[in-house]
Each structure stands twice: as C-alpha cells, then as structure tokens.
C-alpha cells in the first residue's frame, strides 16, 4: 500500500473513530432523511452537542448533507455505507464466536 493510500485511510479512520460517527452514518443508511431529533433517537445515547459536532464533521467530509426534510447521506456517504454492508453478517458471526469462546473458557476453568 502506498503512503498516499495509507494517509487517506488514516484520515478516513480518524473521522470514523470519532465517538458516534459511524452510528450517525449507520442510522442514515436507509437513505431516508431524518430530523435532528429523530437522528438523535436513532443513534441512541448521544447528546445534542455531540450529535451537532458529528453532523458538522460528517458534512465537512462530504458524507452527510442537510436537506429540506432533514439529514441524509450524500452519494459519497452512501458509497461508504455500501462498502460496510457486510458489517451485520460479520457482527453476527463475531458475537456468536465470542459467546462460544466465553462458554469454552468457563467450561475449562
């Protein structure tokens, strides 16, 4: 991987590692606009101040936009979310393997 690619990945991960950033994008993944309050409820546990900050960062990054009906992912945000489509299947397998590992660890104690 080139240093340019590493820098781009580092920059994107820096944005997505911000608390709740991925959750905000994930809450908008269906493509339907959400008002601030609905988005806050969809994300769950996020304060209005933090949501404002994340929305600002995601808008500046070109991943989220605000239209007449509320917040929505941009074409770029949608592209990123499409690339994350395997996340639910991976998460389900991962949780199952963690539970199996925990059972095994308990049984071998």
Protein backbone atom coordinates (compact mmCIF):
# COMPACT_ATOMS: atom_id res chain seq x y z
CA UNK A 1 0.00 0.00 0.00
CA UNK A 2 1.37 3.40 -0.94
CA UNK A 3 1.97 6.18 1.56
CA UNK A 4 -0.80 8.14 -0.18
CA UNK A 5 -3.25 5.28 0.38
CA UNK A 6 -2.13 4.94 4.00
CA UNK A 7 -2.67 8.66 4.55
CA UNK A 8 -6.15 8.51 3.01
CA UNK A 9 -7.13 5.51 5.13
CA UNK A 10 -5.70 7.13 8.23
CA UNK A 11 -7.69 10.29 7.55
CA UNK A 12 -10.95 8.38 6.98
CA UNK A 13 -10.45 6.21 10.06
CA UNK A 14 -9.67 9.31 12.11
CA UNK A 15 -13.06 10.70 11.17
CA UNK A 16 -14.94 7.43 11.69
CA UNK A 17 -13.25 6.76 15.04
CA UNK A 18 -14.85 9.87 16.48
CA UNK A 19 -17.43 8.88 19.03
CA UNK A 20 -20.78 8.05 17.38
CA UNK A 21 -19.63 8.97 13.84
CA UNK A 22 -20.28 5.50 12.43
CA UNK A 23 -23.56 5.28 14.35
CA UNK A 24 -24.76 8.53 12.78
CA UNK A 25 -23.94 7.24 9.31
CA UNK A 26 -25.46 3.86 10.10
CA UNK A 27 -28.68 5.50 11.31
CA UNK A 28 -28.97 7.22 7.92
CA UNK A 29 -28.16 4.12 5.86
CA UNK A 30 -31.72 3.57 4.58
CA UNK A 31 -31.48 6.79 2.57
CA UNK A 32 -34.43 8.48 4.27
CA UNK A 33 -33.92 11.96 5.67
CA UNK A 34 -34.10 12.29 9.44
CA UNK A 35 -34.70 15.35 11.55
CA UNK A 36 -32.18 16.16 14.26
CA UNK A 37 -34.42 14.71 16.97
CA UNK A 38 -35.18 11.53 15.02
CA UNK A 39 -31.49 11.08 14.25
CA UNK A 40 -30.66 11.54 17.92
CA UNK A 41 -33.22 8.85 18.81
CA UNK A 42 -31.93 6.57 16.04
CA UNK A 43 -28.34 6.84 17.28
CA UNK A 44 -29.33 6.44 20.93
CA UNK A 45 -27.39 7.81 23.89
CA UNK A 46 -25.87 10.72 22.00
CA UNK A 47 -26.10 14.20 23.46
CA UNK A 48 -27.33 17.06 21.26
CA UNK A 49 -23.91 18.72 21.47
CA UNK A 50 -22.09 15.57 20.35
CA UNK A 51 -24.59 14.99 17.55
CA UNK A 52 -24.13 18.56 16.34
CA UNK A 53 -20.36 18.06 16.31
CA UNK A 54 -20.58 14.73 14.43
CA UNK A 55 -23.02 16.14 11.89
CA UNK A 56 -20.72 19.11 11.29
CA UNK A 57 -17.70 16.82 10.80
CA UNK A 58 -19.59 14.43 8.53
CA UNK A 59 -20.96 17.34 6.48
CA UNK A 60 -17.47 18.84 6.12
CA UNK A 61 -16.24 15.41 4.99
CA UNK A 62 -18.98 15.26 2.35
CA UNK A 63 -20.68 12.19 3.83
CA UNK A 64 -23.85 13.81 5.19
CA UNK A 65 -25.96 16.69 3.97
CA UNK A 66 -28.95 18.61 5.30
CA UNK A 67 -31.94 18.97 3.04
CA UNK A 68 -35.45 20.32 3.49
CA UNK A 69 -36.57 17.08 5.19
CA UNK A 70 -33.56 16.62 7.45
CA UNK A 71 -30.19 14.90 7.38
CA UNK A 72 -29.32 12.40 4.69
CA UNK A 73 -26.19 10.66 3.44
CA UNK A 74 -24.57 12.02 0.30
CA UNK A 75 -23.59 9.84 -2.65
CA UNK A 76 -20.15 9.51 -1.07
CA UNK A 77 -21.68 8.56 2.29
CA UNK A 78 -23.89 6.03 0.56
CA UNK A 79 -20.87 4.56 -1.19
CA UNK A 80 -19.08 4.17 2.15
CA UNK A 81 -22.15 2.52 3.69
CA UNK A 82 -22.42 0.09 0.75
CA UNK A 83 -18.86 -0.95 1.47
CA UNK A 84 -19.90 -1.57 5.07
CA UNK A 85 -22.88 -3.76 4.06
CA UNK A 86 -21.10 -6.91 5.24
CA UNK A 87 -20.86 -5.50 8.75
CA UNK A 88 -24.13 -7.01 10.08
CA UNK A 89 -23.19 -10.53 8.91
CA UNK A 90 -19.68 -10.16 10.29
CA UNK A 91 -21.02 -8.79 13.59
CA UNK A 92 -23.42 -11.72 13.99
CA UNK A 93 -20.63 -14.26 13.38
CA UNK A 94 -18.28 -12.38 15.67
CA UNK A 95 -20.81 -12.20 18.54
CA UNK A 96 -21.54 -15.92 18.16
CA UNK A 97 -17.83 -16.77 18.23
CA UNK A 98 -17.33 -14.57 21.31
CA UNK A 99 -20.19 -16.35 23.09
CA UNK A 100 -18.76 -19.75 22.11
CA UNK A 101 -15.31 -18.71 23.33
CA UNK A 102 -16.77 -17.48 26.61
CA UNK A 103 -18.59 -20.81 27.11
CA UNK A 104 -15.42 -22.72 26.33
CA UNK A 105 -13.40 -20.60 28.77
CA UNK A 106 -15.97 -21.15 31.52
CA UNK A 107 -16.05 -24.89 30.87
CA UNK A 108 -12.27 -25.23 31.06
CA UNK A 109 -11.87 -23.38 34.36
